[in-house]
Amino acid sequence: MSTFMAKNENIQRKWYVLDAAGKPLGRTAALAASILKGKHKVDYTPHADCGDYVIIINADKAVLTGKKLTQKYYRTHSGYAGGLKETQYSRLMAHKPQLAMKIAVRGMLPKNSVGRWSLGRLKIYAGEQHKQQAQKPELWAGK
């Protein structure tokens, strides 16, 4: 008996909605990364992009535990001397909560082409409404 390997032609993708309201940012991001990779499926294959689509709503209501709001920073560098820009997470969560969630999910995906493809299937919204009603997404009720 040979080992099953998923192929791109055979993959059936579903749409799932995750509600981040009142939940820790990292826990929501870890669950989203797991669904995007397809680890909840029986035919999971690490080298193939077999995950599903994920819609995260209420990203602005996700919480950071401990002192992360004041002590954690989002840092970017332009590549030039003195080009470091720092943004405190309290400001980032107030102005761009979608970016904070996307950074967290991206850090939990593989750093290769499969991770980049998976991140393209992630949709994040600050409020309760989303634009993917036509895809008939299911509310995630998994593990």
N, C-alpha and C. Protein backbone atom coordinates (compact mmCIF):
# COMPACT_ATOMS: atom_id res chain seq x y z
N MET A 1 0.85 -1.18 0.00
CA MET A 1 0.00 0.00 0.00
C MET A 1 0.89 1.24 0.00
N SER A 2 0.58 2.19 -0.85
CA SER A 2 1.41 3.39 -0.96
C SER A 2 0.80 4.54 -0.17
N THR A 3 1.61 5.51 0.14
CA THR A 3 1.17 6.69 0.88
C THR A 3 0.43 7.64 -0.05
N PHE A 4 -0.67 8.19 0.43
CA PHE A 4 -1.46 9.12 -0.37
C PHE A 4 -0.78 10.49 -0.39
N MET A 5 -0.67 11.07 -1.56
CA MET A 5 -0.13 12.42 -1.73
C MET A 5 -1.19 13.26 -2.45
N ALA A 6 -1.58 14.35 -1.84
CA ALA A 6 -2.60 15.23 -2.44
C ALA A 6 -2.02 15.97 -3.64
N LYS A 7 -2.85 16.13 -4.65
CA LYS A 7 -2.46 16.89 -5.84
C LYS A 7 -3.39 18.10 -5.95
N ASN A 8 -2.92 19.14 -6.61
CA ASN A 8 -3.71 20.37 -6.70
C ASN A 8 -5.04 20.15 -7.41
N GLU A 9 -5.11 19.21 -8.34
CA GLU A 9 -6.36 18.97 -9.07
C GLU A 9 -7.43 18.34 -8.19
N ASN A 10 -7.03 17.61 -7.16
CA ASN A 10 -7.97 16.84 -6.34
C ASN A 10 -8.40 17.56 -5.07
N ILE A 11 -7.90 18.74 -4.81
CA ILE A 11 -8.17 19.41 -3.55
C ILE A 11 -9.52 20.13 -3.59
N GLN A 12 -10.36 19.84 -2.59
CA GLN A 12 -11.65 20.50 -2.44
C GLN A 12 -11.49 21.54 -1.33
N ARG A 13 -11.71 22.82 -1.65
CA ARG A 13 -11.53 23.88 -0.66
C ARG A 13 -12.89 24.37 -0.15
N LYS A 14 -12.96 24.62 1.16
CA LYS A 14 -14.15 25.18 1.78
C LYS A 14 -13.81 26.55 2.34
N TRP A 15 -14.82 27.29 2.72
CA TRP A 15 -14.66 28.60 3.34
C TRP A 15 -15.10 28.51 4.79
N TYR A 16 -14.28 29.04 5.70
CA TYR A 16 -14.60 29.04 7.12
C TYR A 16 -14.50 30.45 7.68
N VAL A 17 -15.35 30.74 8.66
CA VAL A 17 -15.35 32.03 9.33
C VAL A 17 -14.87 31.83 10.77
N LEU A 18 -13.89 32.63 11.18
CA LEU A 18 -13.42 32.63 12.56
C LEU A 18 -13.79 33.97 13.19
N ASP A 19 -14.37 33.93 14.36
CA ASP A 19 -14.72 35.16 15.08
C ASP A 19 -13.65 35.40 16.14
N ALA A 20 -12.95 36.54 16.04
CA ALA A 20 -11.84 36.84 16.95
C ALA A 20 -12.27 37.67 18.15
N ALA A 21 -13.56 37.97 18.28
CA ALA A 21 -14.03 38.84 19.35
C ALA A 21 -13.78 38.20 20.72
N GLY A 22 -13.01 38.91 21.55
CA GLY A 22 -12.75 38.46 22.91
C GLY A 22 -11.75 37.33 23.04
N LYS A 23 -11.17 36.89 21.93
CA LYS A 23 -10.21 35.78 21.97
C LYS A 23 -8.80 36.34 21.81
N PRO A 24 -7.79 35.65 22.35
CA PRO A 24 -6.41 36.12 22.18
C PRO A 24 -6.01 36.11 20.70
N LEU A 25 -5.28 37.13 20.30
CA LEU A 25 -4.84 37.29 18.92
C LEU A 25 -4.04 36.08 18.45
N GLY A 26 -3.13 35.60 19.26
CA GLY A 26 -2.28 34.48 18.88
C GLY A 26 -3.03 33.18 18.72
N ARG A 27 -4.01 32.93 19.57
CA ARG A 27 -4.79 31.70 19.46
C ARG A 27 -5.62 31.69 18.18
N THR A 28 -6.21 32.83 17.86
CA THR A 28 -6.98 32.93 16.62
C THR A 28 -6.07 32.77 15.42
N ALA A 29 -4.87 33.38 15.48
CA ALA A 29 -3.92 33.28 14.37
C ALA A 29 -3.43 31.85 14.19
N ALA A 30 -3.19 31.15 15.29
CA ALA A 30 -2.72 29.76 15.20
C ALA A 30 -3.79 28.86 14.59
N LEU A 31 -5.04 29.07 14.96
CA LEU A 31 -6.13 28.28 14.38
C LEU A 31 -6.28 28.58 12.90
N ALA A 32 -6.19 29.86 12.53
CA ALA A 32 -6.30 30.25 11.12
C ALA A 32 -5.16 29.64 10.31
N ALA A 33 -3.94 29.66 10.84
CA ALA A 33 -2.79 29.09 10.13
C ALA A 33 -2.96 27.59 9.93
N SER A 34 -3.50 26.91 10.93
CA SER A 34 -3.72 25.47 10.81
C SER A 34 -4.75 25.15 9.73
N ILE A 35 -5.82 25.94 9.66
CA ILE A 35 -6.85 25.72 8.62
C ILE A 35 -6.28 26.06 7.24
N LEU A 36 -5.51 27.15 7.14
CA LEU A 36 -4.92 27.53 5.86
C LEU A 36 -3.96 26.47 5.34
N LYS A 37 -3.24 25.80 6.23
CA LYS A 37 -2.31 24.74 5.83
C LYS A 37 -3.05 23.44 5.51
N GLY A 38 -4.25 23.26 6.05
CA GLY A 38 -5.02 22.05 5.78
C GLY A 38 -4.76 20.93 6.76
N LYS A 39 -4.25 21.25 7.94
CA LYS A 39 -3.90 20.21 8.91
C LYS A 39 -5.12 19.52 9.51
N HIS A 40 -6.29 20.09 9.35
CA HIS A 40 -7.51 19.49 9.87
C HIS A 40 -8.09 18.44 8.92
N LYS A 41 -7.52 18.31 7.74
CA LYS A 41 -8.03 17.37 6.73
C LYS A 41 -7.35 16.02 6.83
N VAL A 42 -8.06 15.02 6.38
CA VAL A 42 -7.51 13.66 6.38
C VAL A 42 -6.40 13.53 5.35
N ASP A 43 -6.54 14.20 4.22
CA ASP A 43 -5.56 14.08 3.14
C ASP A 43 -4.51 15.20 3.19
N TYR A 44 -4.10 15.62 4.39
CA TYR A 44 -3.09 16.66 4.55
C TYR A 44 -1.75 16.18 4.00
N THR A 45 -1.14 17.01 3.18
CA THR A 45 0.18 16.73 2.62
C THR A 45 1.04 17.97 2.84
N PRO A 46 2.17 17.85 3.55
CA PRO A 46 2.94 19.04 3.92
C PRO A 46 3.47 19.85 2.74
N HIS A 47 3.82 19.20 1.65
CA HIS A 47 4.42 19.92 0.53
C HIS A 47 3.40 20.45 -0.47
N ALA A 48 2.13 20.13 -0.26
CA ALA A 48 1.07 20.58 -1.17
C ALA A 48 0.20 21.62 -0.47
N ASP A 49 -0.34 22.52 -1.23
CA ASP A 49 -1.21 23.56 -0.69
C ASP A 49 -2.63 23.03 -0.66
N CYS A 50 -3.01 22.34 0.42
CA CYS A 50 -4.31 21.67 0.47
C CYS A 50 -5.24 22.28 1.52
N GLY A 51 -4.97 23.52 1.94
CA GLY A 51 -5.78 24.15 2.97
C GLY A 51 -7.04 24.79 2.43
N ASP A 52 -7.80 25.37 3.33
CA ASP A 52 -9.07 26.00 3.00
C ASP A 52 -8.95 27.51 3.11
N TYR A 53 -10.03 28.20 2.73
CA TYR A 53 -10.10 29.65 2.86
C TYR A 53 -10.55 30.00 4.27
N VAL A 54 -10.02 31.10 4.81
CA VAL A 54 -10.37 31.54 6.16
C VAL A 54 -10.75 33.01 6.12
N ILE A 55 -11.88 33.32 6.75
CA ILE A 55 -12.33 34.70 6.93
C ILE A 55 -12.30 34.98 8.43
N ILE A 56 -11.55 35.97 8.83
CA ILE A 56 -11.50 36.36 10.24
C ILE A 56 -12.28 37.65 10.39
N ILE A 57 -13.31 37.62 11.24
CA ILE A 57 -14.10 38.82 11.50
C ILE A 57 -13.82 39.30 12.93
N ASN A 58 -14.16 40.55 13.20
CA ASN A 58 -13.95 41.18 14.50
C ASN A 58 -12.48 41.19 14.91
N ALA A 59 -11.59 41.46 13.98
CA ALA A 59 -10.16 41.50 14.30
C ALA A 59 -9.86 42.65 15.26
N ASP A 60 -10.68 43.69 15.25
CA ASP A 60 -10.45 44.81 16.16
C ASP A 60 -10.81 44.47 17.60
N LYS A 61 -11.56 43.39 17.82
CA LYS A 61 -11.96 43.00 19.16
C LYS A 61 -11.09 41.88 19.73
N ALA A 62 -10.05 41.47 19.00
CA ALA A 62 -9.12 40.47 19.52
C ALA A 62 -8.31 41.10 20.64
N VAL A 63 -7.93 40.31 21.62
CA VAL A 63 -7.23 40.84 22.78
C VAL A 63 -5.79 40.35 22.79
N LEU A 64 -4.93 41.17 23.37
CA LEU A 64 -3.55 40.79 23.63
C LEU A 64 -3.40 40.65 25.13
N THR A 65 -2.91 39.52 25.60
CA THR A 65 -2.82 39.25 27.03
C THR A 65 -1.55 39.86 27.61
N GLY A 66 -1.54 40.01 28.92
CA GLY A 66 -0.36 40.53 29.60
C GLY A 66 -0.12 41.99 29.25
N LYS A 67 1.16 42.35 29.12
CA LYS A 67 1.54 43.73 28.83
C LYS A 67 1.92 43.92 27.37
N LYS A 68 1.42 43.04 26.50
CA LYS A 68 1.82 43.10 25.10
C LYS A 68 1.38 44.38 24.41
N LEU A 69 0.27 44.97 24.82
CA LEU A 69 -0.19 46.20 24.18
C LEU A 69 0.82 47.32 24.32
N THR A 70 1.55 47.36 25.43
CA THR A 70 2.51 48.44 25.64
C THR A 70 3.94 48.02 25.37
N GLN A 71 4.27 46.75 25.53
CA GLN A 71 5.65 46.31 25.41
C GLN A 71 6.01 45.73 24.05
N LYS A 72 5.03 45.32 23.26
CA LYS A 72 5.29 44.71 21.97
C LYS A 72 5.27 45.77 20.87
N TYR A 73 6.20 45.66 19.92
CA TYR A 73 6.31 46.62 18.84
C TYR A 73 6.30 45.91 17.50
N TYR A 74 5.72 46.57 16.50
CA TYR A 74 5.80 46.13 15.11
C TYR A 74 6.90 46.96 14.48
N ARG A 75 7.95 46.31 13.99
CA ARG A 75 9.11 47.02 13.46
C ARG A 75 9.27 46.75 11.97
N THR A 76 9.57 47.83 11.23
CA THR A 76 9.90 47.72 9.82
C THR A 76 11.18 48.53 9.59
N HIS A 77 11.94 48.11 8.60
CA HIS A 77 13.18 48.82 8.29
C HIS A 77 13.23 49.04 6.78
N SER A 78 13.61 50.25 6.40
CA SER A 78 13.64 50.61 4.99
C SER A 78 14.88 50.07 4.29
N GLY A 79 15.91 49.72 5.05
CA GLY A 79 17.16 49.26 4.45
C GLY A 79 18.22 50.33 4.47
N TYR A 80 17.83 51.55 4.75
CA TYR A 80 18.77 52.66 4.85
C TYR A 80 19.16 52.89 6.31
N ALA A 81 20.28 53.55 6.52
CA ALA A 81 20.72 53.87 7.87
C ALA A 81 19.68 54.74 8.56
N GLY A 82 19.31 54.36 9.75
CA GLY A 82 18.31 55.11 10.50
C GLY A 82 16.89 54.89 10.00
N GLY A 83 16.66 53.84 9.23
CA GLY A 83 15.36 53.60 8.62
C GLY A 83 14.43 52.70 9.42
N LEU A 84 14.70 52.53 10.71
CA LEU A 84 13.86 51.68 11.54
C LEU A 84 12.61 52.45 11.97
N LYS A 85 11.46 51.85 11.76
CA LYS A 85 10.19 52.45 12.22
C LYS A 85 9.54 51.47 13.18
N GLU A 86 9.14 51.97 14.33
CA GLU A 86 8.50 51.14 15.34
C GLU A 86 7.09 51.66 15.61
N THR A 87 6.16 50.72 15.73
CA THR A 87 4.79 51.06 16.07
C THR A 87 4.37 50.17 17.24
N GLN A 88 3.90 50.80 18.30
CA GLN A 88 3.45 50.04 19.46
C GLN A 88 2.15 49.31 19.11
N TYR A 89 1.97 48.11 19.67
CA TYR A 89 0.81 47.30 19.33
C TYR A 89 -0.50 47.95 19.77
N SER A 90 -0.48 48.79 20.80
CA SER A 90 -1.72 49.48 21.18
C SER A 90 -2.18 50.39 20.05
N ARG A 91 -1.24 51.07 19.39
CA ARG A 91 -1.57 51.94 18.25
C ARG A 91 -1.94 51.10 17.03
N LEU A 92 -1.22 50.00 16.81
CA LEU A 92 -1.49 49.14 15.65
C LEU A 92 -2.88 48.51 15.76
N MET A 93 -3.25 48.04 16.95
CA MET A 93 -4.57 47.44 17.13
C MET A 93 -5.68 48.48 17.02
N ALA A 94 -5.38 49.73 17.37
CA ALA A 94 -6.40 50.78 17.28
C ALA A 94 -6.61 51.23 15.83
N HIS A 95 -5.53 51.30 15.04
CA HIS A 95 -5.63 51.85 13.69
C HIS A 95 -5.69 50.79 12.58
N LYS A 96 -4.93 49.70 12.72
CA LYS A 96 -4.89 48.66 11.68
C LYS A 96 -4.95 47.26 12.30
N PRO A 97 -6.09 46.86 12.87
CA PRO A 97 -6.15 45.53 13.49
C PRO A 97 -6.00 44.40 12.47
N GLN A 98 -6.37 44.64 11.20
CA GLN A 98 -6.21 43.60 10.18
C GLN A 98 -4.74 43.30 9.96
N LEU A 99 -3.88 44.32 9.98
CA LEU A 99 -2.46 44.13 9.78
C LEU A 99 -1.86 43.34 10.94
N ALA A 100 -2.28 43.63 12.16
CA ALA A 100 -1.76 42.90 13.32
C ALA A 100 -2.11 41.41 13.22
N MET A 101 -3.33 41.11 12.79
CA MET A 101 -3.75 39.71 12.65
C MET A 101 -2.99 39.04 11.50
N LYS A 102 -2.81 39.74 10.40
CA LYS A 102 -2.11 39.17 9.25
C LYS A 102 -0.65 38.87 9.59
N ILE A 103 0.01 39.74 10.34
CA ILE A 103 1.39 39.51 10.76
C ILE A 103 1.48 38.26 11.62
N ALA A 104 0.52 38.10 12.52
CA ALA A 104 0.52 36.93 13.41
C ALA A 104 0.32 35.63 12.63
N VAL A 105 -0.60 35.64 11.67
CA VAL A 105 -0.86 34.43 10.87
C VAL A 105 0.33 34.13 9.97
N ARG A 106 0.91 35.17 9.35
CA ARG A 106 2.05 34.97 8.45
C ARG A 106 3.24 34.35 9.18
N GLY A 107 3.43 34.74 10.43
CA GLY A 107 4.53 34.17 11.22
C GLY A 107 4.35 32.70 11.53
N MET A 108 3.13 32.20 11.47
CA MET A 108 2.84 30.80 11.79
C MET A 108 2.74 29.91 10.56
N LEU A 109 2.86 30.49 9.38
CA LEU A 109 2.83 29.71 8.14
C LEU A 109 4.26 29.39 7.71
N PRO A 110 4.45 28.36 6.88
CA PRO A 110 5.79 28.04 6.40
C PRO A 110 6.38 29.18 5.58
N LYS A 111 7.68 29.34 5.68
CA LYS A 111 8.37 30.42 4.97
C LYS A 111 8.81 29.93 3.60
N ASN A 112 7.86 29.56 2.76
CA ASN A 112 8.13 29.11 1.40
C ASN A 112 6.93 29.43 0.51
N SER A 113 6.91 28.89 -0.69
CA SER A 113 5.83 29.22 -1.62
C SER A 113 4.48 28.72 -1.12
N VAL A 114 4.44 27.61 -0.41
CA VAL A 114 3.17 27.11 0.11
C VAL A 114 2.59 28.09 1.13
N GLY A 115 3.44 28.66 1.96
CA GLY A 115 2.98 29.65 2.93
C GLY A 115 2.47 30.92 2.26
N ARG A 116 3.13 31.35 1.20
CA ARG A 116 2.68 32.55 0.48
C ARG A 116 1.34 32.30 -0.21
N TRP A 117 1.17 31.13 -0.80
CA TRP A 117 -0.12 30.80 -1.42
C TRP A 117 -1.22 30.72 -0.37
N SER A 118 -0.90 30.14 0.77
CA SER A 118 -1.88 30.00 1.84
C SER A 118 -2.33 31.36 2.35
N LEU A 119 -1.40 32.30 2.49
CA LEU A 119 -1.74 33.63 2.98
C LEU A 119 -2.67 34.36 2.03
N GLY A 120 -2.64 34.01 0.77
CA GLY A 120 -3.55 34.61 -0.21
C GLY A 120 -4.99 34.19 -0.01
N ARG A 121 -5.22 33.11 0.72
CA ARG A 121 -6.58 32.64 0.98
C ARG A 121 -7.13 33.16 2.31
N LEU A 122 -6.42 34.08 2.94
CA LEU A 122 -6.85 34.66 4.21
C LEU A 122 -7.52 36.01 3.97
N LYS A 123 -8.71 36.18 4.52
CA LYS A 123 -9.44 37.45 4.43
C LYS A 123 -9.71 37.92 5.87
N ILE A 124 -9.33 39.17 6.17
CA ILE A 124 -9.47 39.68 7.53
C ILE A 124 -10.30 40.95 7.50
N TYR A 125 -11.26 41.05 8.42
CA TYR A 125 -12.13 42.21 8.52
C TYR A 125 -12.17 42.69 9.97
N ALA A 126 -12.15 44.01 10.16
CA ALA A 126 -12.17 44.58 11.50
C ALA A 126 -13.54 44.44 12.15
N GLY A 127 -14.58 44.51 11.37
CA GLY A 127 -15.94 44.46 11.91
C GLY A 127 -16.61 43.11 11.74
N GLU A 128 -17.91 43.14 11.91
CA GLU A 128 -18.72 41.92 11.86
C GLU A 128 -19.03 41.48 10.43
N GLN A 129 -19.08 42.42 9.48
CA GLN A 129 -19.48 42.13 8.10
C GLN A 129 -18.28 41.70 7.26
N HIS A 130 -18.53 40.82 6.29
CA HIS A 130 -17.51 40.42 5.32
C HIS A 130 -18.16 40.34 3.94
N LYS A 131 -17.32 40.29 2.90
CA LYS A 131 -17.81 40.36 1.52
C LYS A 131 -17.94 38.99 0.85
N GLN A 132 -17.76 37.92 1.59
CA GLN A 132 -17.75 36.59 0.98
C GLN A 132 -19.03 35.80 1.25
N GLN A 133 -20.18 36.45 1.28
CA GLN A 133 -21.43 35.72 1.50
C GLN A 133 -21.75 34.79 0.34
N ALA A 134 -21.31 35.13 -0.87
CA ALA A 134 -21.60 34.31 -2.05
C ALA A 134 -20.91 32.95 -1.97
N GLN A 135 -19.82 32.85 -1.22
CA GLN A 135 -19.10 31.57 -1.10
C GLN A 135 -19.72 30.66 -0.05
N LYS A 136 -20.74 31.15 0.67
CA LYS A 136 -21.43 30.39 1.71
C LYS A 136 -20.45 29.81 2.74
N PRO A 137 -19.73 30.69 3.45
CA PRO A 137 -18.77 30.19 4.43
C PRO A 137 -19.46 29.61 5.66
N GLU A 138 -18.79 28.63 6.27
CA GLU A 138 -19.30 27.99 7.48
C GLU A 138 -18.58 28.57 8.68
N LEU A 139 -19.30 28.70 9.80
CA LEU A 139 -18.67 29.12 11.04
C LEU A 139 -17.83 27.96 11.56
N TRP A 140 -16.57 28.22 11.88
CA TRP A 140 -15.67 27.15 12.32
C TRP A 140 -16.11 26.65 13.67
N ALA A 141 -16.39 25.37 13.75
CA ALA A 141 -16.81 24.75 15.00
C ALA A 141 -15.94 23.53 15.28
N GLY A 142 -14.72 23.57 14.82
CA GLY A 142 -13.82 22.43 14.96
C GLY A 142 -13.18 22.37 16.32
N LYS A 143 -12.04 21.68 16.33
CA LYS A 143 -11.34 21.44 17.59
C LYS A 143 -10.84 22.69 18.22
